[in-house]
Amino acid sequence: AAEGGEFGIRVNTILPDAILQGSA
């Protein structure tokens, strides 16, 4: 994200907890 800003590239993160459904 720090390097991508000047190129209009956004980088974000999602922090989930345990997701049991449909997960291998």
PDBML (XML) file of the C-alpha atoms, coordinates in Angstrom:
<?xml version="1.0" encoding="UTF-8" ?>
<PDBx:datablock datablockName="MODEL"
   xmlns:PDBx="http://pdbml.pdb.org/schema/pdbx-v50.xsd"
   xmlns:xsi="http://www.w3.org/2001/XMLSchema-instance"
   xsi:schemaLocation="http://pdbml.pdb.org/schema/pdbx-v50.xsd pdbx-v50.xsd">
   <PDBx:atom_siteCategory>
      <PDBx:atom_site id="1">
         <PDBx:B_iso_or_equiv>0.00</PDBx:B_iso_or_equiv>
         <PDBx:Cartn_x>0.000</PDBx:Cartn_x>
         <PDBx:Cartn_y>0.000</PDBx:Cartn_y>
         <PDBx:Cartn_z>0.000</PDBx:Cartn_z>
         <PDBx:auth_asym_id>A</PDBx:auth_asym_id>
         <PDBx:auth_atom_id>CA</PDBx:auth_atom_id>
         <PDBx:auth_comp_id>ALA</PDBx:auth_comp_id>
         <PDBx:auth_seq_id>1</PDBx:auth_seq_id>
         <PDBx:group_PDB>ATOM</PDBx:group_PDB>
         <PDBx:label_alt_id xsi:nil="true" />
         <PDBx:label_asym_id>A</PDBx:label_asym_id>
         <PDBx:label_atom_id>CA</PDBx:label_atom_id>
         <PDBx:label_comp_id>ALA</PDBx:label_comp_id>
         <PDBx:label_entity_id>1</PDBx:label_entity_id>
         <PDBx:label_seq_id>1</PDBx:label_seq_id>
         <PDBx:occupancy>1.00</PDBx:occupancy>
         <PDBx:pdbx_PDB_model_num>1</PDBx:pdbx_PDB_model_num>
         <PDBx:type_symbol>C</PDBx:type_symbol>
      </PDBx:atom_site>
      <PDBx:atom_site id="2">
         <PDBx:B_iso_or_equiv>0.00</PDBx:B_iso_or_equiv>
         <PDBx:Cartn_x>2.850</PDBx:Cartn_x>
         <PDBx:Cartn_y>2.380</PDBx:Cartn_y>
         <PDBx:Cartn_z>0.817</PDBx:Cartn_z>
         <PDBx:auth_asym_id>A</PDBx:auth_asym_id>
         <PDBx:auth_atom_id>CA</PDBx:auth_atom_id>
         <PDBx:auth_comp_id>ALA</PDBx:auth_comp_id>
         <PDBx:auth_seq_id>2</PDBx:auth_seq_id>
         <PDBx:group_PDB>ATOM</PDBx:group_PDB>
         <PDBx:label_alt_id xsi:nil="true" />
         <PDBx:label_asym_id>A</PDBx:label_asym_id>
         <PDBx:label_atom_id>CA</PDBx:label_atom_id>
         <PDBx:label_comp_id>ALA</PDBx:label_comp_id>
         <PDBx:label_entity_id>1</PDBx:label_entity_id>
         <PDBx:label_seq_id>2</PDBx:label_seq_id>
         <PDBx:occupancy>1.00</PDBx:occupancy>
         <PDBx:pdbx_PDB_model_num>1</PDBx:pdbx_PDB_model_num>
         <PDBx:type_symbol>C</PDBx:type_symbol>
      </PDBx:atom_site>
      <PDBx:atom_site id="3">
         <PDBx:B_iso_or_equiv>0.00</PDBx:B_iso_or_equiv>
         <PDBx:Cartn_x>4.354</PDBx:Cartn_x>
         <PDBx:Cartn_y>1.888</PDBx:Cartn_y>
         <PDBx:Cartn_z>-2.640</PDBx:Cartn_z>
         <PDBx:auth_asym_id>A</PDBx:auth_asym_id>
         <PDBx:auth_atom_id>CA</PDBx:auth_atom_id>
         <PDBx:auth_comp_id>GLU</PDBx:auth_comp_id>
         <PDBx:auth_seq_id>3</PDBx:auth_seq_id>
         <PDBx:group_PDB>ATOM</PDBx:group_PDB>
         <PDBx:label_alt_id xsi:nil="true" />
         <PDBx:label_asym_id>A</PDBx:label_asym_id>
         <PDBx:label_atom_id>CA</PDBx:label_atom_id>
         <PDBx:label_comp_id>GLU</PDBx:label_comp_id>
         <PDBx:label_entity_id>1</PDBx:label_entity_id>
         <PDBx:label_seq_id>3</PDBx:label_seq_id>
         <PDBx:occupancy>1.00</PDBx:occupancy>
         <PDBx:pdbx_PDB_model_num>1</PDBx:pdbx_PDB_model_num>
         <PDBx:type_symbol>C</PDBx:type_symbol>
      </PDBx:atom_site>
      <PDBx:atom_site id="4">
         <PDBx:B_iso_or_equiv>0.00</PDBx:B_iso_or_equiv>
         <PDBx:Cartn_x>1.119</PDBx:Cartn_x>
         <PDBx:Cartn_y>1.592</PDBx:Cartn_y>
         <PDBx:Cartn_z>-4.581</PDBx:Cartn_z>
         <PDBx:auth_asym_id>A</PDBx:auth_asym_id>
         <PDBx:auth_atom_id>CA</PDBx:auth_atom_id>
         <PDBx:auth_comp_id>GLY</PDBx:auth_comp_id>
         <PDBx:auth_seq_id>4</PDBx:auth_seq_id>
         <PDBx:group_PDB>ATOM</PDBx:group_PDB>
         <PDBx:label_alt_id xsi:nil="true" />
         <PDBx:label_asym_id>A</PDBx:label_asym_id>
         <PDBx:label_atom_id>CA</PDBx:label_atom_id>
         <PDBx:label_comp_id>GLY</PDBx:label_comp_id>
         <PDBx:label_entity_id>1</PDBx:label_entity_id>
         <PDBx:label_seq_id>4</PDBx:label_seq_id>
         <PDBx:occupancy>1.00</PDBx:occupancy>
         <PDBx:pdbx_PDB_model_num>1</PDBx:pdbx_PDB_model_num>
         <PDBx:type_symbol>C</PDBx:type_symbol>
      </PDBx:atom_site>
      <PDBx:atom_site id="5">
         <PDBx:B_iso_or_equiv>0.00</PDBx:B_iso_or_equiv>
         <PDBx:Cartn_x>-0.479</PDBx:Cartn_x>
         <PDBx:Cartn_y>4.895</PDBx:Cartn_y>
         <PDBx:Cartn_z>-3.694</PDBx:Cartn_z>
         <PDBx:auth_asym_id>A</PDBx:auth_asym_id>
         <PDBx:auth_atom_id>CA</PDBx:auth_atom_id>
         <PDBx:auth_comp_id>GLY</PDBx:auth_comp_id>
         <PDBx:auth_seq_id>5</PDBx:auth_seq_id>
         <PDBx:group_PDB>ATOM</PDBx:group_PDB>
         <PDBx:label_alt_id xsi:nil="true" />
         <PDBx:label_asym_id>A</PDBx:label_asym_id>
         <PDBx:label_atom_id>CA</PDBx:label_atom_id>
         <PDBx:label_comp_id>GLY</PDBx:label_comp_id>
         <PDBx:label_entity_id>1</PDBx:label_entity_id>
         <PDBx:label_seq_id>5</PDBx:label_seq_id>
         <PDBx:occupancy>1.00</PDBx:occupancy>
         <PDBx:pdbx_PDB_model_num>1</PDBx:pdbx_PDB_model_num>
         <PDBx:type_symbol>C</PDBx:type_symbol>
      </PDBx:atom_site>
      <PDBx:atom_site id="6">
         <PDBx:B_iso_or_equiv>0.00</PDBx:B_iso_or_equiv>
         <PDBx:Cartn_x>1.217</PDBx:Cartn_x>
         <PDBx:Cartn_y>6.928</PDBx:Cartn_y>
         <PDBx:Cartn_z>-6.420</PDBx:Cartn_z>
         <PDBx:auth_asym_id>A</PDBx:auth_asym_id>
         <PDBx:auth_atom_id>CA</PDBx:auth_atom_id>
         <PDBx:auth_comp_id>GLU</PDBx:auth_comp_id>
         <PDBx:auth_seq_id>6</PDBx:auth_seq_id>
         <PDBx:group_PDB>ATOM</PDBx:group_PDB>
         <PDBx:label_alt_id xsi:nil="true" />
         <PDBx:label_asym_id>A</PDBx:label_asym_id>
         <PDBx:label_atom_id>CA</PDBx:label_atom_id>
         <PDBx:label_comp_id>GLU</PDBx:label_comp_id>
         <PDBx:label_entity_id>1</PDBx:label_entity_id>
         <PDBx:label_seq_id>6</PDBx:label_seq_id>
         <PDBx:occupancy>1.00</PDBx:occupancy>
         <PDBx:pdbx_PDB_model_num>1</PDBx:pdbx_PDB_model_num>
         <PDBx:type_symbol>C</PDBx:type_symbol>
      </PDBx:atom_site>
      <PDBx:atom_site id="7">
         <PDBx:B_iso_or_equiv>0.00</PDBx:B_iso_or_equiv>
         <PDBx:Cartn_x>-0.141</PDBx:Cartn_x>
         <PDBx:Cartn_y>4.457</PDBx:Cartn_y>
         <PDBx:Cartn_z>-8.997</PDBx:Cartn_z>
         <PDBx:auth_asym_id>A</PDBx:auth_asym_id>
         <PDBx:auth_atom_id>CA</PDBx:auth_atom_id>
         <PDBx:auth_comp_id>PHE</PDBx:auth_comp_id>
         <PDBx:auth_seq_id>7</PDBx:auth_seq_id>
         <PDBx:group_PDB>ATOM</PDBx:group_PDB>
         <PDBx:label_alt_id xsi:nil="true" />
         <PDBx:label_asym_id>A</PDBx:label_asym_id>
         <PDBx:label_atom_id>CA</PDBx:label_atom_id>
         <PDBx:label_comp_id>PHE</PDBx:label_comp_id>
         <PDBx:label_entity_id>1</PDBx:label_entity_id>
         <PDBx:label_seq_id>7</PDBx:label_seq_id>
         <PDBx:occupancy>1.00</PDBx:occupancy>
         <PDBx:pdbx_PDB_model_num>1</PDBx:pdbx_PDB_model_num>
         <PDBx:type_symbol>C</PDBx:type_symbol>
      </PDBx:atom_site>
      <PDBx:atom_site id="8">
         <PDBx:B_iso_or_equiv>0.00</PDBx:B_iso_or_equiv>
         <PDBx:Cartn_x>-3.663</PDBx:Cartn_x>
         <PDBx:Cartn_y>4.463</PDBx:Cartn_y>
         <PDBx:Cartn_z>-7.619</PDBx:Cartn_z>
         <PDBx:auth_asym_id>A</PDBx:auth_asym_id>
         <PDBx:auth_atom_id>CA</PDBx:auth_atom_id>
         <PDBx:auth_comp_id>GLY</PDBx:auth_comp_id>
         <PDBx:auth_seq_id>8</PDBx:auth_seq_id>
         <PDBx:group_PDB>ATOM</PDBx:group_PDB>
         <PDBx:label_alt_id xsi:nil="true" />
         <PDBx:label_asym_id>A</PDBx:label_asym_id>
         <PDBx:label_atom_id>CA</PDBx:label_atom_id>
         <PDBx:label_comp_id>GLY</PDBx:label_comp_id>
         <PDBx:label_entity_id>1</PDBx:label_entity_id>
         <PDBx:label_seq_id>8</PDBx:label_seq_id>
         <PDBx:occupancy>1.00</PDBx:occupancy>
         <PDBx:pdbx_PDB_model_num>1</PDBx:pdbx_PDB_model_num>
         <PDBx:type_symbol>C</PDBx:type_symbol>
      </PDBx:atom_site>
      <PDBx:atom_site id="9">
         <PDBx:B_iso_or_equiv>0.00</PDBx:B_iso_or_equiv>
         <PDBx:Cartn_x>-3.210</PDBx:Cartn_x>
         <PDBx:Cartn_y>0.929</PDBx:Cartn_y>
         <PDBx:Cartn_z>-6.271</PDBx:Cartn_z>
         <PDBx:auth_asym_id>A</PDBx:auth_asym_id>
         <PDBx:auth_atom_id>CA</PDBx:auth_atom_id>
         <PDBx:auth_comp_id>ILE</PDBx:auth_comp_id>
         <PDBx:auth_seq_id>9</PDBx:auth_seq_id>
         <PDBx:group_PDB>ATOM</PDBx:group_PDB>
         <PDBx:label_alt_id xsi:nil="true" />
         <PDBx:label_asym_id>A</PDBx:label_asym_id>
         <PDBx:label_atom_id>CA</PDBx:label_atom_id>
         <PDBx:label_comp_id>ILE</PDBx:label_comp_id>
         <PDBx:label_entity_id>1</PDBx:label_entity_id>
         <PDBx:label_seq_id>9</PDBx:label_seq_id>
         <PDBx:occupancy>1.00</PDBx:occupancy>
         <PDBx:pdbx_PDB_model_num>1</PDBx:pdbx_PDB_model_num>
         <PDBx:type_symbol>C</PDBx:type_symbol>
      </PDBx:atom_site>
      <PDBx:atom_site id="10">
         <PDBx:B_iso_or_equiv>0.00</PDBx:B_iso_or_equiv>
         <PDBx:Cartn_x>-4.975</PDBx:Cartn_x>
         <PDBx:Cartn_y>0.372</PDBx:Cartn_y>
         <PDBx:Cartn_z>-2.951</PDBx:Cartn_z>
         <PDBx:auth_asym_id>A</PDBx:auth_asym_id>
         <PDBx:auth_atom_id>CA</PDBx:auth_atom_id>
         <PDBx:auth_comp_id>ARG</PDBx:auth_comp_id>
         <PDBx:auth_seq_id>10</PDBx:auth_seq_id>
         <PDBx:group_PDB>ATOM</PDBx:group_PDB>
         <PDBx:label_alt_id xsi:nil="true" />
         <PDBx:label_asym_id>A</PDBx:label_asym_id>
         <PDBx:label_atom_id>CA</PDBx:label_atom_id>
         <PDBx:label_comp_id>ARG</PDBx:label_comp_id>
         <PDBx:label_entity_id>1</PDBx:label_entity_id>
         <PDBx:label_seq_id>10</PDBx:label_seq_id>
         <PDBx:occupancy>1.00</PDBx:occupancy>
         <PDBx:pdbx_PDB_model_num>1</PDBx:pdbx_PDB_model_num>
         <PDBx:type_symbol>C</PDBx:type_symbol>
      </PDBx:atom_site>
      <PDBx:atom_site id="11">
         <PDBx:B_iso_or_equiv>0.00</PDBx:B_iso_or_equiv>
         <PDBx:Cartn_x>-4.161</PDBx:Cartn_x>
         <PDBx:Cartn_y>-2.578</PDBx:Cartn_y>
         <PDBx:Cartn_z>-0.677</PDBx:Cartn_z>
         <PDBx:auth_asym_id>A</PDBx:auth_asym_id>
         <PDBx:auth_atom_id>CA</PDBx:auth_atom_id>
         <PDBx:auth_comp_id>VAL</PDBx:auth_comp_id>
         <PDBx:auth_seq_id>11</PDBx:auth_seq_id>
         <PDBx:group_PDB>ATOM</PDBx:group_PDB>
         <PDBx:label_alt_id xsi:nil="true" />
         <PDBx:label_asym_id>A</PDBx:label_asym_id>
         <PDBx:label_atom_id>CA</PDBx:label_atom_id>
         <PDBx:label_comp_id>VAL</PDBx:label_comp_id>
         <PDBx:label_entity_id>1</PDBx:label_entity_id>
         <PDBx:label_seq_id>11</PDBx:label_seq_id>
         <PDBx:occupancy>1.00</PDBx:occupancy>
         <PDBx:pdbx_PDB_model_num>1</PDBx:pdbx_PDB_model_num>
         <PDBx:type_symbol>C</PDBx:type_symbol>
      </PDBx:atom_site>
      <PDBx:atom_site id="12">
         <PDBx:B_iso_or_equiv>0.00</PDBx:B_iso_or_equiv>
         <PDBx:Cartn_x>-6.310</PDBx:Cartn_x>
         <PDBx:Cartn_y>-3.546</PDBx:Cartn_y>
         <PDBx:Cartn_z>2.288</PDBx:Cartn_z>
         <PDBx:auth_asym_id>A</PDBx:auth_asym_id>
         <PDBx:auth_atom_id>CA</PDBx:auth_atom_id>
         <PDBx:auth_comp_id>ASN</PDBx:auth_comp_id>
         <PDBx:auth_seq_id>12</PDBx:auth_seq_id>
         <PDBx:group_PDB>ATOM</PDBx:group_PDB>
         <PDBx:label_alt_id xsi:nil="true" />
         <PDBx:label_asym_id>A</PDBx:label_asym_id>
         <PDBx:label_atom_id>CA</PDBx:label_atom_id>
         <PDBx:label_comp_id>ASN</PDBx:label_comp_id>
         <PDBx:label_entity_id>1</PDBx:label_entity_id>
         <PDBx:label_seq_id>12</PDBx:label_seq_id>
         <PDBx:occupancy>1.00</PDBx:occupancy>
         <PDBx:pdbx_PDB_model_num>1</PDBx:pdbx_PDB_model_num>
         <PDBx:type_symbol>C</PDBx:type_symbol>
      </PDBx:atom_site>
      <PDBx:atom_site id="13">
         <PDBx:B_iso_or_equiv>0.00</PDBx:B_iso_or_equiv>
         <PDBx:Cartn_x>-6.632</PDBx:Cartn_x>
         <PDBx:Cartn_y>-6.587</PDBx:Cartn_y>
         <PDBx:Cartn_z>4.536</PDBx:Cartn_z>
         <PDBx:auth_asym_id>A</PDBx:auth_asym_id>
         <PDBx:auth_atom_id>CA</PDBx:auth_atom_id>
         <PDBx:auth_comp_id>THR</PDBx:auth_comp_id>
         <PDBx:auth_seq_id>13</PDBx:auth_seq_id>
         <PDBx:group_PDB>ATOM</PDBx:group_PDB>
         <PDBx:label_alt_id xsi:nil="true" />
         <PDBx:label_asym_id>A</PDBx:label_asym_id>
         <PDBx:label_atom_id>CA</PDBx:label_atom_id>
         <PDBx:label_comp_id>THR</PDBx:label_comp_id>
         <PDBx:label_entity_id>1</PDBx:label_entity_id>
         <PDBx:label_seq_id>13</PDBx:label_seq_id>
         <PDBx:occupancy>1.00</PDBx:occupancy>
         <PDBx:pdbx_PDB_model_num>1</PDBx:pdbx_PDB_model_num>
         <PDBx:type_symbol>C</PDBx:type_symbol>
      </PDBx:atom_site>
      <PDBx:atom_site id="14">
         <PDBx:B_iso_or_equiv>0.00</PDBx:B_iso_or_equiv>
         <PDBx:Cartn_x>-9.544</PDBx:Cartn_x>
         <PDBx:Cartn_y>-8.479</PDBx:Cartn_y>
         <PDBx:Cartn_z>6.073</PDBx:Cartn_z>
         <PDBx:auth_asym_id>A</PDBx:auth_asym_id>
         <PDBx:auth_atom_id>CA</PDBx:auth_atom_id>
         <PDBx:auth_comp_id>ILE</PDBx:auth_comp_id>
         <PDBx:auth_seq_id>14</PDBx:auth_seq_id>
         <PDBx:group_PDB>ATOM</PDBx:group_PDB>
         <PDBx:label_alt_id xsi:nil="true" />
         <PDBx:label_asym_id>A</PDBx:label_asym_id>
         <PDBx:label_atom_id>CA</PDBx:label_atom_id>
         <PDBx:label_comp_id>ILE</PDBx:label_comp_id>
         <PDBx:label_entity_id>1</PDBx:label_entity_id>
         <PDBx:label_seq_id>14</PDBx:label_seq_id>
         <PDBx:occupancy>1.00</PDBx:occupancy>
         <PDBx:pdbx_PDB_model_num>1</PDBx:pdbx_PDB_model_num>
         <PDBx:type_symbol>C</PDBx:type_symbol>
      </PDBx:atom_site>
      <PDBx:atom_site id="15">
         <PDBx:B_iso_or_equiv>0.00</PDBx:B_iso_or_equiv>
         <PDBx:Cartn_x>-9.063</PDBx:Cartn_x>
         <PDBx:Cartn_y>-10.352</PDBx:Cartn_y>
         <PDBx:Cartn_z>9.337</PDBx:Cartn_z>
         <PDBx:auth_asym_id>A</PDBx:auth_asym_id>
         <PDBx:auth_atom_id>CA</PDBx:auth_atom_id>
         <PDBx:auth_comp_id>LEU</PDBx:auth_comp_id>
         <PDBx:auth_seq_id>15</PDBx:auth_seq_id>
         <PDBx:group_PDB>ATOM</PDBx:group_PDB>
         <PDBx:label_alt_id xsi:nil="true" />
         <PDBx:label_asym_id>A</PDBx:label_asym_id>
         <PDBx:label_atom_id>CA</PDBx:label_atom_id>
         <PDBx:label_comp_id>LEU</PDBx:label_comp_id>
         <PDBx:label_entity_id>1</PDBx:label_entity_id>
         <PDBx:label_seq_id>15</PDBx:label_seq_id>
         <PDBx:occupancy>1.00</PDBx:occupancy>
         <PDBx:pdbx_PDB_model_num>1</PDBx:pdbx_PDB_model_num>
         <PDBx:type_symbol>C</PDBx:type_symbol>
      </PDBx:atom_site>
      <PDBx:atom_site id="16">
         <PDBx:B_iso_or_equiv>0.00</PDBx:B_iso_or_equiv>
         <PDBx:Cartn_x>-11.719</PDBx:Cartn_x>
         <PDBx:Cartn_y>-13.063</PDBx:Cartn_y>
         <PDBx:Cartn_z>9.660</PDBx:Cartn_z>
         <PDBx:auth_asym_id>A</PDBx:auth_asym_id>
         <PDBx:auth_atom_id>CA</PDBx:auth_atom_id>
         <PDBx:auth_comp_id>PRO</PDBx:auth_comp_id>
         <PDBx:auth_seq_id>16</PDBx:auth_seq_id>
         <PDBx:group_PDB>ATOM</PDBx:group_PDB>
         <PDBx:label_alt_id xsi:nil="true" />
         <PDBx:label_asym_id>A</PDBx:label_asym_id>
         <PDBx:label_atom_id>CA</PDBx:label_atom_id>
         <PDBx:label_comp_id>PRO</PDBx:label_comp_id>
         <PDBx:label_entity_id>1</PDBx:label_entity_id>
         <PDBx:label_seq_id>16</PDBx:label_seq_id>
         <PDBx:occupancy>1.00</PDBx:occupancy>
         <PDBx:pdbx_PDB_model_num>1</PDBx:pdbx_PDB_model_num>
         <PDBx:type_symbol>C</PDBx:type_symbol>
      </PDBx:atom_site>
      <PDBx:atom_site id="17">
         <PDBx:B_iso_or_equiv>0.00</PDBx:B_iso_or_equiv>
         <PDBx:Cartn_x>-12.207</PDBx:Cartn_x>
         <PDBx:Cartn_y>-15.518</PDBx:Cartn_y>
         <PDBx:Cartn_z>12.449</PDBx:Cartn_z>
         <PDBx:auth_asym_id>A</PDBx:auth_asym_id>
         <PDBx:auth_atom_id>CA</PDBx:auth_atom_id>
         <PDBx:auth_comp_id>ASP</PDBx:auth_comp_id>
         <PDBx:auth_seq_id>17</PDBx:auth_seq_id>
         <PDBx:group_PDB>ATOM</PDBx:group_PDB>
         <PDBx:label_alt_id xsi:nil="true" />
         <PDBx:label_asym_id>A</PDBx:label_asym_id>
         <PDBx:label_atom_id>CA</PDBx:label_atom_id>
         <PDBx:label_comp_id>ASP</PDBx:label_comp_id>
         <PDBx:label_entity_id>1</PDBx:label_entity_id>
         <PDBx:label_seq_id>17</PDBx:label_seq_id>
         <PDBx:occupancy>1.00</PDBx:occupancy>
         <PDBx:pdbx_PDB_model_num>1</PDBx:pdbx_PDB_model_num>
         <PDBx:type_symbol>C</PDBx:type_symbol>
      </PDBx:atom_site>
      <PDBx:atom_site id="18">
         <PDBx:B_iso_or_equiv>0.00</PDBx:B_iso_or_equiv>
         <PDBx:Cartn_x>-12.901</PDBx:Cartn_x>
         <PDBx:Cartn_y>-19.203</PDBx:Cartn_y>
         <PDBx:Cartn_z>11.875</PDBx:Cartn_z>
         <PDBx:auth_asym_id>A</PDBx:auth_asym_id>
         <PDBx:auth_atom_id>CA</PDBx:auth_atom_id>
         <PDBx:auth_comp_id>ALA</PDBx:auth_comp_id>
         <PDBx:auth_seq_id>18</PDBx:auth_seq_id>
         <PDBx:group_PDB>ATOM</PDBx:group_PDB>
         <PDBx:label_alt_id xsi:nil="true" />
         <PDBx:label_asym_id>A</PDBx:label_asym_id>
         <PDBx:label_atom_id>CA</PDBx:label_atom_id>
         <PDBx:label_comp_id>ALA</PDBx:label_comp_id>
         <PDBx:label_entity_id>1</PDBx:label_entity_id>
         <PDBx:label_seq_id>18</PDBx:label_seq_id>
         <PDBx:occupancy>1.00</PDBx:occupancy>
         <PDBx:pdbx_PDB_model_num>1</PDBx:pdbx_PDB_model_num>
         <PDBx:type_symbol>C</PDBx:type_symbol>
      </PDBx:atom_site>
      <PDBx:atom_site id="19">
         <PDBx:B_iso_or_equiv>0.00</PDBx:B_iso_or_equiv>
         <PDBx:Cartn_x>-15.088</PDBx:Cartn_x>
         <PDBx:Cartn_y>-19.836</PDBx:Cartn_y>
         <PDBx:Cartn_z>8.810</PDBx:Cartn_z>
         <PDBx:auth_asym_id>A</PDBx:auth_asym_id>
         <PDBx:auth_atom_id>CA</PDBx:auth_atom_id>
         <PDBx:auth_comp_id>ILE</PDBx:auth_comp_id>
         <PDBx:auth_seq_id>19</PDBx:auth_seq_id>
         <PDBx:group_PDB>ATOM</PDBx:group_PDB>
         <PDBx:label_alt_id xsi:nil="true" />
         <PDBx:label_asym_id>A</PDBx:label_asym_id>
         <PDBx:label_atom_id>CA</PDBx:label_atom_id>
         <PDBx:label_comp_id>ILE</PDBx:label_comp_id>
         <PDBx:label_entity_id>1</PDBx:label_entity_id>
         <PDBx:label_seq_id>19</PDBx:label_seq_id>
         <PDBx:occupancy>1.00</PDBx:occupancy>
         <PDBx:pdbx_PDB_model_num>1</PDBx:pdbx_PDB_model_num>
         <PDBx:type_symbol>C</PDBx:type_symbol>
      </PDBx:atom_site>
      <PDBx:atom_site id="20">
         <PDBx:B_iso_or_equiv>0.00</PDBx:B_iso_or_equiv>
         <PDBx:Cartn_x>-16.032</PDBx:Cartn_x>
         <PDBx:Cartn_y>-23.470</PDBx:Cartn_y>
         <PDBx:Cartn_z>8.748</PDBx:Cartn_z>
         <PDBx:auth_asym_id>A</PDBx:auth_asym_id>
         <PDBx:auth_atom_id>CA</PDBx:auth_atom_id>
         <PDBx:auth_comp_id>LEU</PDBx:auth_comp_id>
         <PDBx:auth_seq_id>20</PDBx:auth_seq_id>
         <PDBx:group_PDB>ATOM</PDBx:group_PDB>
         <PDBx:label_alt_id xsi:nil="true" />
         <PDBx:label_asym_id>A</PDBx:label_asym_id>
         <PDBx:label_atom_id>CA</PDBx:label_atom_id>
         <PDBx:label_comp_id>LEU</PDBx:label_comp_id>
         <PDBx:label_entity_id>1</PDBx:label_entity_id>
         <PDBx:label_seq_id>20</PDBx:label_seq_id>
         <PDBx:occupancy>1.00</PDBx:occupancy>
         <PDBx:pdbx_PDB_model_num>1</PDBx:pdbx_PDB_model_num>
         <PDBx:type_symbol>C</PDBx:type_symbol>
      </PDBx:atom_site>
      <PDBx:atom_site id="21">
         <PDBx:B_iso_or_equiv>0.00</PDBx:B_iso_or_equiv>
         <PDBx:Cartn_x>-18.582</PDBx:Cartn_x>
         <PDBx:Cartn_y>-23.443</PDBx:Cartn_y>
         <PDBx:Cartn_z>5.910</PDBx:Cartn_z>
         <PDBx:auth_asym_id>A</PDBx:auth_asym_id>
         <PDBx:auth_atom_id>CA</PDBx:auth_atom_id>
         <PDBx:auth_comp_id>GLN</PDBx:auth_comp_id>
         <PDBx:auth_seq_id>21</PDBx:auth_seq_id>
         <PDBx:group_PDB>ATOM</PDBx:group_PDB>
         <PDBx:label_alt_id xsi:nil="true" />
         <PDBx:label_asym_id>A</PDBx:label_asym_id>
         <PDBx:label_atom_id>CA</PDBx:label_atom_id>
         <PDBx:label_comp_id>GLN</PDBx:label_comp_id>
         <PDBx:label_entity_id>1</PDBx:label_entity_id>
         <PDBx:label_seq_id>21</PDBx:label_seq_id>
         <PDBx:occupancy>1.00</PDBx:occupancy>
         <PDBx:pdbx_PDB_model_num>1</PDBx:pdbx_PDB_model_num>
         <PDBx:type_symbol>C</PDBx:type_symbol>
      </PDBx:atom_site>
      <PDBx:atom_site id="22">
         <PDBx:B_iso_or_equiv>0.00</PDBx:B_iso_or_equiv>
         <PDBx:Cartn_x>-17.330</PDBx:Cartn_x>
         <PDBx:Cartn_y>-24.452</PDBx:Cartn_y>
         <PDBx:Cartn_z>2.462</PDBx:Cartn_z>
         <PDBx:auth_asym_id>A</PDBx:auth_asym_id>
         <PDBx:auth_atom_id>CA</PDBx:auth_atom_id>
         <PDBx:auth_comp_id>GLY</PDBx:auth_comp_id>
         <PDBx:auth_seq_id>22</PDBx:auth_seq_id>
         <PDBx:group_PDB>ATOM</PDBx:group_PDB>
         <PDBx:label_alt_id xsi:nil="true" />
         <PDBx:label_asym_id>A</PDBx:label_asym_id>
         <PDBx:label_atom_id>CA</PDBx:label_atom_id>
         <PDBx:label_comp_id>GLY</PDBx:label_comp_id>
         <PDBx:label_entity_id>1</PDBx:label_entity_id>
         <PDBx:label_seq_id>22</PDBx:label_seq_id>
         <PDBx:occupancy>1.00</PDBx:occupancy>
         <PDBx:pdbx_PDB_model_num>1</PDBx:pdbx_PDB_model_num>
         <PDBx:type_symbol>C</PDBx:type_symbol>
      </PDBx:atom_site>
      <PDBx:atom_site id="23">
         <PDBx:B_iso_or_equiv>0.00</PDBx:B_iso_or_equiv>
         <PDBx:Cartn_x>-13.716</PDBx:Cartn_x>
         <PDBx:Cartn_y>-24.556</PDBx:Cartn_y>
         <PDBx:Cartn_z>3.595</PDBx:Cartn_z>
         <PDBx:auth_asym_id>A</PDBx:auth_asym_id>
         <PDBx:auth_atom_id>CA</PDBx:auth_atom_id>
         <PDBx:auth_comp_id>SER</PDBx:auth_comp_id>
         <PDBx:auth_seq_id>23</PDBx:auth_seq_id>
         <PDBx:group_PDB>ATOM</PDBx:group_PDB>
         <PDBx:label_alt_id xsi:nil="true" />
         <PDBx:label_asym_id>A</PDBx:label_asym_id>
         <PDBx:label_atom_id>CA</PDBx:label_atom_id>
         <PDBx:label_comp_id>SER</PDBx:label_comp_id>
         <PDBx:label_entity_id>1</PDBx:label_entity_id>
         <PDBx:label_seq_id>23</PDBx:label_seq_id>
         <PDBx:occupancy>1.00</PDBx:occupancy>
         <PDBx:pdbx_PDB_model_num>1</PDBx:pdbx_PDB_model_num>
         <PDBx:type_symbol>C</PDBx:type_symbol>
      </PDBx:atom_site>
      <PDBx:atom_site id="24">
         <PDBx:B_iso_or_equiv>0.00</PDBx:B_iso_or_equiv>
         <PDBx:Cartn_x>-11.318</PDBx:Cartn_x>
         <PDBx:Cartn_y>-27.291</PDBx:Cartn_y>
         <PDBx:Cartn_z>2.520</PDBx:Cartn_z>
         <PDBx:auth_asym_id>A</PDBx:auth_asym_id>
         <PDBx:auth_atom_id>CA</PDBx:auth_atom_id>
         <PDBx:auth_comp_id>ALA</PDBx:auth_comp_id>
         <PDBx:auth_seq_id>24</PDBx:auth_seq_id>
         <PDBx:group_PDB>ATOM</PDBx:group_PDB>
         <PDBx:label_alt_id xsi:nil="true" />
         <PDBx:label_asym_id>A</PDBx:label_asym_id>
         <PDBx:label_atom_id>CA</PDBx:label_atom_id>
         <PDBx:label_comp_id>ALA</PDBx:label_comp_id>
         <PDBx:label_entity_id>1</PDBx:label_entity_id>
         <PDBx:label_seq_id>24</PDBx:label_seq_id>
         <PDBx:occupancy>1.00</PDBx:occupancy>
         <PDBx:pdbx_PDB_model_num>1</PDBx:pdbx_PDB_model_num>
         <PDBx:type_symbol>C</PDBx:type_symbol>
      </PDBx:atom_site>
   </PDBx:atom_siteCategory>
</PDBx:datablock>
